[in-house]
Amino acid sequence: MTIAMIDRALDMTAAIVKGITDSRLHAPTPCADWDVRTELNHMVGGMRVFAAELTATDAGGEHEDDWLGTDPQAAFFTAADLDRAAWHRPGALDATVRLGFGTVPGPMAALIHLTEVLVHGVDLALATGQEHLVDERSCGELLTIMHGLDFDTFRRPGMFGPAVPAPADAPAHRQLLAFLGRDVPARRGR
């Protein structure tokens, strides 16, 4: 199930990345202190690192290196293809994955990666005026999973802050971001 959710998150984020123009690369995002380019680069680096871990290959750089170069969209699509292929390898969920904070079993690595792709995709959608492309079903499913975890262990600097209030009638993606500590401004009219 988690791999299918990663596929949907990659599809959603690909549609958002297609709509990011050069003029929006320096727009602020809901992820504190990051502009669109920084957040997109972080996501691309993460996909490259995860794919390398799952395939026992060299990522070609460190997570926060400059992965985007002069063509951020091409960098994203290359990384997304590698990432998708790595998660679809037989036994991907049986692997142990080494991350920056330690080693985790495949199913937890998949959940962490899903969170990275989906949440950063939503951040990019909000930052670039493409909120209509967000996959509400995926956001709602991830939020339900997170509510079932002992999530406080992830609430630390550099990961996620304390939950912030969200209106009960807010769409799933806004509730998800609020749960993760993102203080998202009210939605503007169309």
N, C-alpha and C. Protein backbone atom coordinates (compact mmCIF):
# COMPACT_ATOMS: atom_id res chain seq x y z
N MET A 1 0.82 -1.20 0.00
CA MET A 1 0.00 0.00 0.00
C MET A 1 0.87 1.26 0.00
N THR A 2 1.96 1.28 0.79
CA THR A 2 2.78 2.48 0.87
C THR A 2 3.44 2.79 -0.46
N ILE A 3 3.85 1.77 -1.20
CA ILE A 3 4.47 2.02 -2.50
C ILE A 3 3.47 2.63 -3.47
N ALA A 4 2.23 2.17 -3.45
CA ALA A 4 1.20 2.78 -4.29
C ALA A 4 0.97 4.24 -3.88
N MET A 5 1.07 4.52 -2.59
CA MET A 5 0.92 5.90 -2.12
C MET A 5 2.12 6.75 -2.57
N ILE A 6 3.32 6.17 -2.57
CA ILE A 6 4.49 6.90 -3.08
C ILE A 6 4.28 7.21 -4.56
N ASP A 7 3.77 6.25 -5.32
CA ASP A 7 3.49 6.49 -6.75
C ASP A 7 2.54 7.67 -6.93
N ARG A 8 1.46 7.70 -6.14
CA ARG A 8 0.49 8.80 -6.25
C ARG A 8 1.12 10.13 -5.85
N ALA A 9 1.97 10.11 -4.82
CA ALA A 9 2.65 11.34 -4.40
C ALA A 9 3.61 11.83 -5.48
N LEU A 10 4.32 10.90 -6.11
CA LEU A 10 5.22 11.29 -7.21
C LEU A 10 4.42 11.87 -8.38
N ASP A 11 3.28 11.25 -8.70
CA ASP A 11 2.44 11.76 -9.80
C ASP A 11 1.93 13.16 -9.49
N MET A 12 1.44 13.36 -8.26
CA MET A 12 0.94 14.67 -7.87
C MET A 12 2.05 15.71 -7.95
N THR A 13 3.20 15.38 -7.38
CA THR A 13 4.30 16.34 -7.34
C THR A 13 4.83 16.62 -8.73
N ALA A 14 4.84 15.63 -9.60
CA ALA A 14 5.28 15.85 -10.99
C ALA A 14 4.40 16.89 -11.67
N ALA A 15 3.09 16.80 -11.46
CA ALA A 15 2.18 17.78 -12.07
C ALA A 15 2.47 19.18 -11.53
N ILE A 16 2.79 19.27 -10.25
CA ILE A 16 3.10 20.56 -9.65
C ILE A 16 4.42 21.10 -10.18
N VAL A 17 5.44 20.25 -10.25
CA VAL A 17 6.75 20.68 -10.73
C VAL A 17 6.66 21.16 -12.18
N LYS A 18 5.83 20.51 -12.99
CA LYS A 18 5.66 20.96 -14.39
C LYS A 18 5.20 22.42 -14.46
N GLY A 19 4.45 22.85 -13.45
CA GLY A 19 3.92 24.21 -13.45
C GLY A 19 4.79 25.24 -12.76
N ILE A 20 5.96 24.85 -12.30
CA ILE A 20 6.85 25.81 -11.62
C ILE A 20 7.68 26.54 -12.67
N THR A 21 7.48 27.83 -12.73
CA THR A 21 8.24 28.66 -13.67
C THR A 21 9.49 29.20 -12.97
N ASP A 22 10.47 29.60 -13.76
CA ASP A 22 11.70 30.16 -13.20
C ASP A 22 11.41 31.34 -12.27
N SER A 23 10.37 32.11 -12.58
CA SER A 23 10.05 33.28 -11.77
C SER A 23 9.54 32.91 -10.38
N ARG A 24 9.15 31.66 -10.18
CA ARG A 24 8.63 31.22 -8.88
C ARG A 24 9.68 30.48 -8.04
N LEU A 25 10.86 30.26 -8.58
CA LEU A 25 11.87 29.48 -7.86
C LEU A 25 12.32 30.12 -6.54
N HIS A 26 12.16 31.41 -6.40
CA HIS A 26 12.60 32.06 -5.16
C HIS A 26 11.44 32.48 -4.28
N ALA A 27 10.24 31.98 -4.58
CA ALA A 27 9.08 32.25 -3.74
C ALA A 27 9.22 31.50 -2.42
N PRO A 28 8.74 32.08 -1.32
CA PRO A 28 8.80 31.38 -0.04
C PRO A 28 7.84 30.19 -0.02
N THR A 29 8.15 29.21 0.80
CA THR A 29 7.31 28.03 0.94
C THR A 29 6.83 27.92 2.40
N PRO A 30 5.87 27.04 2.66
CA PRO A 30 5.45 26.82 4.05
C PRO A 30 6.54 26.17 4.91
N CYS A 31 7.57 25.63 4.28
CA CYS A 31 8.69 25.04 5.02
C CYS A 31 9.63 26.19 5.39
N ALA A 32 9.66 26.52 6.67
CA ALA A 32 10.36 27.71 7.15
C ALA A 32 11.77 27.84 6.58
N ASP A 33 12.10 29.03 6.13
CA ASP A 33 13.42 29.41 5.64
C ASP A 33 13.80 28.82 4.28
N TRP A 34 12.88 28.14 3.62
CA TRP A 34 13.17 27.57 2.31
C TRP A 34 12.35 28.25 1.24
N ASP A 35 13.01 28.57 0.12
CA ASP A 35 12.26 29.01 -1.05
C ASP A 35 11.96 27.78 -1.91
N VAL A 36 11.26 27.98 -3.02
CA VAL A 36 10.84 26.87 -3.87
C VAL A 36 12.06 26.08 -4.36
N ARG A 37 13.09 26.78 -4.81
CA ARG A 37 14.27 26.07 -5.33
C ARG A 37 14.92 25.21 -4.25
N THR A 38 15.07 25.75 -3.07
CA THR A 38 15.70 25.01 -1.97
C THR A 38 14.88 23.77 -1.62
N GLU A 39 13.57 23.92 -1.54
CA GLU A 39 12.72 22.78 -1.18
C GLU A 39 12.70 21.73 -2.29
N LEU A 40 12.64 22.19 -3.53
CA LEU A 40 12.67 21.26 -4.66
C LEU A 40 14.01 20.51 -4.68
N ASN A 41 15.10 21.23 -4.45
CA ASN A 41 16.42 20.60 -4.41
C ASN A 41 16.50 19.56 -3.29
N HIS A 42 15.96 19.89 -2.12
CA HIS A 42 15.93 18.95 -0.99
C HIS A 42 15.18 17.68 -1.38
N MET A 43 14.05 17.85 -2.05
CA MET A 43 13.25 16.69 -2.45
C MET A 43 13.99 15.84 -3.48
N VAL A 44 14.59 16.48 -4.47
CA VAL A 44 15.34 15.75 -5.50
C VAL A 44 16.52 15.02 -4.86
N GLY A 45 17.25 15.68 -3.97
CA GLY A 45 18.35 15.01 -3.27
C GLY A 45 17.87 13.82 -2.47
N GLY A 46 16.73 13.97 -1.81
CA GLY A 46 16.16 12.86 -1.04
C GLY A 46 15.80 11.68 -1.92
N MET A 47 15.19 11.96 -3.07
CA MET A 47 14.84 10.87 -3.97
C MET A 47 16.08 10.16 -4.48
N ARG A 48 17.12 10.92 -4.79
CA ARG A 48 18.36 10.31 -5.28
C ARG A 48 19.02 9.46 -4.20
N VAL A 49 19.01 9.95 -2.96
CA VAL A 49 19.61 9.21 -1.85
C VAL A 49 18.81 7.94 -1.55
N PHE A 50 17.48 8.05 -1.50
CA PHE A 50 16.66 6.86 -1.26
C PHE A 50 16.87 5.82 -2.36
N ALA A 51 16.84 6.27 -3.61
CA ALA A 51 17.03 5.33 -4.73
C ALA A 51 18.38 4.63 -4.62
N ALA A 52 19.43 5.38 -4.27
CA ALA A 52 20.76 4.78 -4.14
C ALA A 52 20.79 3.78 -2.99
N GLU A 53 20.17 4.12 -1.87
CA GLU A 53 20.13 3.20 -0.73
C GLU A 53 19.41 1.90 -1.11
N LEU A 54 18.30 2.02 -1.80
CA LEU A 54 17.50 0.84 -2.15
C LEU A 54 18.15 -0.03 -3.21
N THR A 55 19.03 0.56 -4.02
CA THR A 55 19.66 -0.19 -5.11
C THR A 55 21.14 -0.46 -4.85
N ALA A 56 21.61 -0.08 -3.66
CA ALA A 56 23.02 -0.27 -3.29
C ALA A 56 23.96 0.34 -4.33
N THR A 57 23.62 1.57 -4.73
CA THR A 57 24.46 2.31 -5.68
C THR A 57 24.87 3.63 -5.04
N ASP A 58 25.69 4.38 -5.73
CA ASP A 58 26.14 5.68 -5.25
C ASP A 58 25.16 6.75 -5.74
N ALA A 59 24.68 7.57 -4.83
CA ALA A 59 23.74 8.64 -5.19
C ALA A 59 24.39 9.70 -6.07
N GLY A 60 25.69 9.83 -5.99
CA GLY A 60 26.37 10.85 -6.79
C GLY A 60 26.53 12.17 -6.07
N GLY A 61 26.13 12.22 -4.80
CA GLY A 61 26.25 13.44 -4.03
C GLY A 61 25.56 13.28 -2.68
N GLU A 62 25.66 14.33 -1.88
CA GLU A 62 25.01 14.35 -0.57
C GLU A 62 23.61 14.95 -0.72
N HIS A 63 22.76 14.66 0.25
CA HIS A 63 21.35 15.06 0.19
C HIS A 63 21.17 16.54 -0.17
N GLU A 64 21.91 17.42 0.46
CA GLU A 64 21.69 18.86 0.25
C GLU A 64 22.62 19.49 -0.78
N ASP A 65 23.35 18.68 -1.55
CA ASP A 65 24.13 19.23 -2.67
C ASP A 65 23.18 19.88 -3.68
N ASP A 66 23.73 20.58 -4.65
CA ASP A 66 22.89 21.16 -5.70
C ASP A 66 22.59 20.08 -6.74
N TRP A 67 21.37 19.57 -6.70
CA TRP A 67 20.93 18.53 -7.63
C TRP A 67 20.21 19.12 -8.83
N LEU A 68 19.81 20.39 -8.75
CA LEU A 68 18.95 20.96 -9.79
C LEU A 68 19.71 21.51 -10.98
N GLY A 69 20.92 22.00 -10.76
CA GLY A 69 21.68 22.58 -11.86
C GLY A 69 20.90 23.68 -12.56
N THR A 70 20.96 23.67 -13.88
CA THR A 70 20.28 24.72 -14.65
C THR A 70 18.89 24.29 -15.12
N ASP A 71 18.49 23.05 -14.84
CA ASP A 71 17.18 22.56 -15.28
C ASP A 71 16.48 21.82 -14.15
N PRO A 72 15.85 22.59 -13.23
CA PRO A 72 15.21 21.98 -12.07
C PRO A 72 14.15 20.93 -12.43
N GLN A 73 13.38 21.18 -13.48
CA GLN A 73 12.34 20.22 -13.84
C GLN A 73 12.95 18.90 -14.32
N ALA A 74 13.96 18.97 -15.17
CA ALA A 74 14.60 17.74 -15.65
C ALA A 74 15.23 16.98 -14.48
N ALA A 75 15.83 17.70 -13.54
CA ALA A 75 16.43 17.05 -12.37
C ALA A 75 15.36 16.33 -11.56
N PHE A 76 14.21 16.97 -11.40
CA PHE A 76 13.12 16.31 -10.66
C PHE A 76 12.67 15.04 -11.38
N PHE A 77 12.41 15.13 -12.66
CA PHE A 77 11.88 13.97 -13.38
C PHE A 77 12.88 12.81 -13.44
N THR A 78 14.16 13.11 -13.55
CA THR A 78 15.18 12.05 -13.51
C THR A 78 15.16 11.37 -12.14
N ALA A 79 15.16 12.17 -11.08
CA ALA A 79 15.15 11.62 -9.72
C ALA A 79 13.87 10.83 -9.46
N ALA A 80 12.74 11.34 -9.92
CA ALA A 80 11.46 10.65 -9.70
C ALA A 80 11.45 9.29 -10.40
N ASP A 81 12.00 9.22 -11.61
CA ASP A 81 12.07 7.94 -12.32
C ASP A 81 12.95 6.94 -11.57
N LEU A 82 14.11 7.39 -11.10
CA LEU A 82 15.01 6.52 -10.34
C LEU A 82 14.34 6.06 -9.04
N ASP A 83 13.68 6.99 -8.39
CA ASP A 83 13.01 6.71 -7.12
C ASP A 83 11.90 5.68 -7.29
N ARG A 84 11.05 5.90 -8.26
CA ARG A 84 9.94 4.98 -8.51
C ARG A 84 10.46 3.58 -8.83
N ALA A 85 11.46 3.51 -9.69
CA ALA A 85 12.02 2.20 -10.06
C ALA A 85 12.62 1.50 -8.84
N ALA A 86 13.28 2.25 -7.97
CA ALA A 86 13.89 1.65 -6.78
C ALA A 86 12.84 1.08 -5.83
N TRP A 87 11.74 1.79 -5.64
CA TRP A 87 10.69 1.30 -4.73
C TRP A 87 9.95 0.10 -5.32
N HIS A 88 9.97 -0.03 -6.64
CA HIS A 88 9.27 -1.15 -7.29
C HIS A 88 10.17 -2.38 -7.47
N ARG A 89 11.40 -2.32 -7.03
CA ARG A 89 12.27 -3.50 -7.10
C ARG A 89 11.74 -4.57 -6.15
N PRO A 90 11.82 -5.82 -6.54
CA PRO A 90 11.40 -6.89 -5.62
C PRO A 90 12.17 -6.80 -4.31
N GLY A 91 11.46 -6.91 -3.20
CA GLY A 91 12.09 -6.89 -1.89
C GLY A 91 12.44 -5.51 -1.36
N ALA A 92 11.99 -4.45 -2.02
CA ALA A 92 12.34 -3.10 -1.56
C ALA A 92 11.93 -2.87 -0.11
N LEU A 93 10.78 -3.39 0.28
CA LEU A 93 10.32 -3.18 1.65
C LEU A 93 11.03 -4.09 2.65
N ASP A 94 11.77 -5.07 2.15
CA ASP A 94 12.54 -5.96 3.03
C ASP A 94 13.91 -5.38 3.37
N ALA A 95 14.28 -4.32 2.68
CA ALA A 95 15.60 -3.72 2.87
C ALA A 95 15.66 -2.96 4.19
N THR A 96 16.87 -2.75 4.65
CA THR A 96 17.13 -1.83 5.75
C THR A 96 17.75 -0.60 5.11
N VAL A 97 17.22 0.57 5.43
CA VAL A 97 17.64 1.79 4.75
C VAL A 97 18.37 2.70 5.74
N ARG A 98 19.53 3.14 5.34
CA ARG A 98 20.36 4.04 6.15
C ARG A 98 19.99 5.48 5.81
N LEU A 99 19.52 6.20 6.81
CA LEU A 99 19.15 7.60 6.65
C LEU A 99 20.07 8.46 7.50
N GLY A 100 19.97 9.76 7.37
CA GLY A 100 20.84 10.67 8.10
C GLY A 100 20.77 10.52 9.61
N PHE A 101 19.64 10.07 10.14
CA PHE A 101 19.48 9.95 11.59
C PHE A 101 19.60 8.51 12.09
N GLY A 102 19.84 7.56 11.18
CA GLY A 102 19.98 6.17 11.59
C GLY A 102 19.43 5.21 10.55
N THR A 103 19.43 3.95 10.89
CA THR A 103 18.97 2.90 9.98
C THR A 103 17.55 2.51 10.35
N VAL A 104 16.70 2.35 9.34
CA VAL A 104 15.29 2.00 9.58
C VAL A 104 14.89 0.85 8.65
N PRO A 105 13.92 0.04 9.09
CA PRO A 105 13.42 -1.03 8.23
C PRO A 105 12.67 -0.45 7.02
N GLY A 106 12.63 -1.23 5.94
CA GLY A 106 12.01 -0.79 4.70
C GLY A 106 10.63 -0.16 4.83
N PRO A 107 9.68 -0.77 5.56
CA PRO A 107 8.36 -0.16 5.66
C PRO A 107 8.39 1.23 6.30
N MET A 108 9.22 1.44 7.32
CA MET A 108 9.32 2.77 7.93
C MET A 108 10.01 3.73 6.97
N ALA A 109 11.02 3.26 6.25
CA ALA A 109 11.69 4.11 5.26
C ALA A 109 10.70 4.55 4.19
N ALA A 110 9.84 3.64 3.77
CA ALA A 110 8.84 3.98 2.75
C ALA A 110 7.87 5.04 3.27
N LEU A 111 7.47 4.92 4.52
CA LEU A 111 6.56 5.91 5.11
C LEU A 111 7.24 7.26 5.25
N ILE A 112 8.49 7.26 5.66
CA ILE A 112 9.24 8.52 5.76
C ILE A 112 9.37 9.15 4.38
N HIS A 113 9.69 8.33 3.39
CA HIS A 113 9.84 8.86 2.04
C HIS A 113 8.52 9.38 1.48
N LEU A 114 7.45 8.64 1.70
CA LEU A 114 6.12 9.11 1.28
C LEU A 114 5.85 10.49 1.88
N THR A 115 6.13 10.63 3.16
CA THR A 115 5.90 11.92 3.84
C THR A 115 6.71 13.01 3.17
N GLU A 116 7.97 12.74 2.88
CA GLU A 116 8.82 13.73 2.23
C GLU A 116 8.25 14.17 0.87
N VAL A 117 7.92 13.22 0.04
CA VAL A 117 7.46 13.56 -1.31
C VAL A 117 6.10 14.25 -1.27
N LEU A 118 5.18 13.71 -0.50
CA LEU A 118 3.82 14.27 -0.47
C LEU A 118 3.81 15.65 0.17
N VAL A 119 4.42 15.78 1.34
CA VAL A 119 4.37 17.05 2.06
C VAL A 119 5.14 18.14 1.33
N HIS A 120 6.32 17.82 0.82
CA HIS A 120 7.05 18.85 0.08
C HIS A 120 6.33 19.18 -1.23
N GLY A 121 5.67 18.20 -1.83
CA GLY A 121 4.85 18.50 -3.01
C GLY A 121 3.73 19.47 -2.69
N VAL A 122 3.08 19.28 -1.55
CA VAL A 122 2.02 20.20 -1.13
C VAL A 122 2.61 21.58 -0.86
N ASP A 123 3.76 21.62 -0.17
CA ASP A 123 4.43 22.91 0.07
C ASP A 123 4.67 23.65 -1.25
N LEU A 124 5.17 22.92 -2.24
CA LEU A 124 5.45 23.55 -3.54
C LEU A 124 4.18 24.02 -4.23
N ALA A 125 3.11 23.26 -4.08
CA ALA A 125 1.82 23.67 -4.67
C ALA A 125 1.35 24.98 -4.07
N LEU A 126 1.42 25.10 -2.76
CA LEU A 126 0.98 26.32 -2.09
C LEU A 126 1.86 27.49 -2.48
N ALA A 127 3.17 27.26 -2.56
CA ALA A 127 4.11 28.34 -2.86
C ALA A 127 4.01 28.84 -4.29
N THR A 128 3.50 28.01 -5.19
CA THR A 128 3.47 28.39 -6.61
C THR A 128 2.05 28.58 -7.14
N GLY A 129 1.07 28.66 -6.25
CA GLY A 129 -0.31 28.92 -6.67
C GLY A 129 -0.96 27.74 -7.39
N GLN A 130 -0.57 26.51 -7.02
CA GLN A 130 -1.12 25.33 -7.69
C GLN A 130 -1.83 24.39 -6.70
N GLU A 131 -2.44 24.98 -5.70
CA GLU A 131 -3.10 24.20 -4.65
C GLU A 131 -4.16 23.26 -5.22
N HIS A 132 -4.74 23.62 -6.35
CA HIS A 132 -5.78 22.79 -6.97
C HIS A 132 -5.24 21.44 -7.45
N LEU A 133 -3.92 21.28 -7.54
CA LEU A 133 -3.32 20.02 -7.99
C LEU A 133 -3.04 19.04 -6.85
N VAL A 134 -3.29 19.45 -5.62
CA VAL A 134 -3.00 18.60 -4.47
C VAL A 134 -3.96 17.41 -4.43
N ASP A 135 -3.42 16.24 -4.11
CA ASP A 135 -4.19 15.00 -3.99
C ASP A 135 -4.73 14.90 -2.56
N GLU A 136 -5.97 15.31 -2.38
CA GLU A 136 -6.58 15.33 -1.05
C GLU A 136 -6.69 13.93 -0.45
N ARG A 137 -6.98 12.94 -1.28
CA ARG A 137 -7.09 11.57 -0.79
C ARG A 137 -5.78 11.12 -0.16
N SER A 138 -4.68 11.34 -0.86
CA SER A 138 -3.37 10.95 -0.33
C SER A 138 -3.05 11.70 0.96
N CYS A 139 -3.36 12.97 1.00
CA CYS A 139 -3.08 13.76 2.21
C CYS A 139 -3.91 13.25 3.38
N GLY A 140 -5.17 12.94 3.14
CA GLY A 140 -6.02 12.41 4.20
C GLY A 140 -5.55 11.06 4.69
N GLU A 141 -5.12 10.20 3.77
CA GLU A 141 -4.61 8.87 4.16
C GLU A 141 -3.34 8.99 4.99
N LEU A 142 -2.43 9.87 4.59
CA LEU A 142 -1.19 10.04 5.34
C LEU A 142 -1.48 10.63 6.72
N LEU A 143 -2.38 11.57 6.80
CA LEU A 143 -2.73 12.16 8.09
C LEU A 143 -3.31 11.10 9.03
N THR A 144 -4.14 10.21 8.50
CA THR A 144 -4.70 9.12 9.31
C THR A 144 -3.59 8.21 9.82
N ILE A 145 -2.64 7.88 8.96
CA ILE A 145 -1.50 7.04 9.37
C ILE A 145 -0.72 7.73 10.48
N MET A 146 -0.45 9.03 10.31
CA MET A 146 0.34 9.76 11.30
C MET A 146 -0.36 9.83 12.65
N HIS A 147 -1.68 9.98 12.63
CA HIS A 147 -2.43 10.01 13.89
C HIS A 147 -2.30 8.67 14.62
N GLY A 148 -2.04 7.59 13.90
CA GLY A 148 -1.89 6.26 14.51
C GLY A 148 -0.49 5.96 15.00
N LEU A 149 0.45 6.86 14.77
CA LEU A 149 1.84 6.66 15.19
C LEU A 149 2.13 7.44 16.46
N ASP A 150 3.22 7.09 17.11
CA ASP A 150 3.74 7.92 18.20
C ASP A 150 4.57 9.00 17.53
N PHE A 151 3.90 10.03 17.05
CA PHE A 151 4.54 11.01 16.19
C PHE A 151 5.44 11.99 16.94
N ASP A 152 5.31 12.05 18.25
CA ASP A 152 6.11 13.01 19.01
C ASP A 152 7.61 12.79 18.84
N THR A 153 8.03 11.57 18.54
CA THR A 153 9.46 11.31 18.35
C THR A 153 10.01 12.05 17.13
N PHE A 154 9.12 12.43 16.19
CA PHE A 154 9.55 13.15 14.99
C PHE A 154 9.46 14.67 15.16
N ARG A 155 8.89 15.12 16.27
CA ARG A 155 8.74 16.56 16.51
C ARG A 155 10.00 17.10 17.18
N ARG A 156 10.97 17.40 16.34
CA ARG A 156 12.23 17.95 16.83
C ARG A 156 12.78 18.87 15.75
N PRO A 157 13.66 19.77 16.12
CA PRO A 157 14.21 20.70 15.13
C PRO A 157 14.78 19.96 13.92
N GLY A 158 14.49 20.48 12.77
CA GLY A 158 14.97 19.89 11.54
C GLY A 158 14.03 18.84 10.97
N MET A 159 13.03 18.46 11.74
CA MET A 159 12.05 17.50 11.22
C MET A 159 10.67 18.17 11.20
N PHE A 160 9.94 18.06 12.31
CA PHE A 160 8.60 18.64 12.38
C PHE A 160 8.41 19.35 13.70
N GLY A 161 7.70 20.46 13.65
CA GLY A 161 7.41 21.21 14.86
C GLY A 161 6.12 20.72 15.51
N PRO A 162 5.72 21.37 16.59
CA PRO A 162 4.45 21.03 17.23
C PRO A 162 3.29 21.34 16.27
N ALA A 163 2.24 20.57 16.40
CA ALA A 163 1.05 20.80 15.57
C ALA A 163 0.52 22.21 15.82
N VAL A 164 0.00 22.81 14.77
CA VAL A 164 -0.65 24.12 14.89
C VAL A 164 -2.12 23.94 14.55
N PRO A 165 -2.97 24.83 15.04
CA PRO A 165 -4.41 24.67 14.80
C PRO A 165 -4.76 24.80 13.31
N ALA A 166 -5.73 24.01 12.90
CA ALA A 166 -6.29 24.11 11.55
C ALA A 166 -7.80 24.06 11.69
N PRO A 167 -8.53 24.82 10.90
CA PRO A 167 -9.98 24.74 10.97
C PRO A 167 -10.47 23.32 10.69
N ALA A 168 -11.50 22.90 11.39
CA ALA A 168 -12.03 21.54 11.22
C ALA A 168 -12.48 21.28 9.80
N ASP A 169 -12.90 22.32 9.10
CA ASP A 169 -13.38 22.15 7.72
C ASP A 169 -12.28 22.40 6.68
N ALA A 170 -11.04 22.53 7.15
CA ALA A 170 -9.92 22.74 6.21
C ALA A 170 -9.73 21.49 5.37
N PRO A 171 -9.30 21.64 4.11
CA PRO A 171 -9.01 20.46 3.29
C PRO A 171 -7.90 19.62 3.92
N ALA A 172 -7.86 18.36 3.55
CA ALA A 172 -6.92 17.41 4.14
C ALA A 172 -5.48 17.89 4.06
N HIS A 173 -5.09 18.51 2.95
CA HIS A 173 -3.69 18.92 2.83
C HIS A 173 -3.33 20.01 3.83
N ARG A 174 -4.25 20.88 4.13
CA ARG A 174 -3.99 21.93 5.11
C ARG A 174 -3.98 21.36 6.53
N GLN A 175 -4.84 20.38 6.79
CA GLN A 175 -4.82 19.72 8.10
C GLN A 175 -3.51 18.96 8.28
N LEU A 176 -3.04 18.31 7.22
CA LEU A 176 -1.76 17.58 7.27
C LEU A 176 -0.61 18.54 7.58
N LEU A 177 -0.55 19.64 6.87
CA LEU A 177 0.53 20.60 7.10
C LEU A 177 0.48 21.14 8.52
N ALA A 178 -0.73 21.44 9.02
CA ALA A 178 -0.87 21.94 10.39
C ALA A 178 -0.41 20.90 11.40
N PHE A 179 -0.75 19.63 11.17
CA PHE A 179 -0.33 18.55 12.06
C PHE A 179 1.19 18.47 12.13
N LEU A 180 1.84 18.77 11.01
CA LEU A 180 3.31 18.70 10.94
C LEU A 180 3.99 19.98 11.40
N GLY A 181 3.20 20.96 11.85
CA GLY A 181 3.77 22.18 12.40
C GLY A 181 3.95 23.31 11.42
N ARG A 182 3.40 23.16 10.22
CA ARG A 182 3.49 24.24 9.24
C ARG A 182 2.36 25.25 9.51
N ASP A 183 2.72 26.49 9.67
CA ASP A 183 1.75 27.56 9.88
C ASP A 183 1.39 28.12 8.50
N VAL A 184 0.30 27.63 7.93
CA VAL A 184 -0.07 27.96 6.56
C VAL A 184 -1.09 29.10 6.58
N PRO A 185 -0.84 30.17 5.83
CA PRO A 185 -1.80 31.28 5.79
C PRO A 185 -3.14 30.80 5.23
N ALA A 186 -4.18 31.52 5.57
CA ALA A 186 -5.52 31.20 5.07
C ALA A 186 -5.51 31.20 3.55
N ARG A 187 -6.35 30.36 3.00
CA ARG A 187 -6.45 30.24 1.55
C ARG A 187 -7.02 31.52 0.96
N ARG A 188 -6.39 31.96 -0.09
CA ARG A 188 -6.87 33.17 -0.77
C ARG A 188 -8.00 32.81 -1.72
N GLY A 189 -8.86 33.78 -1.99
CA GLY A 189 -9.94 33.56 -2.95
C GLY A 189 -9.38 33.34 -4.34
N ARG A 190 -10.16 32.71 -5.19
CA ARG A 190 -9.69 32.43 -6.56
C ARG A 190 -9.88 33.60 -7.46
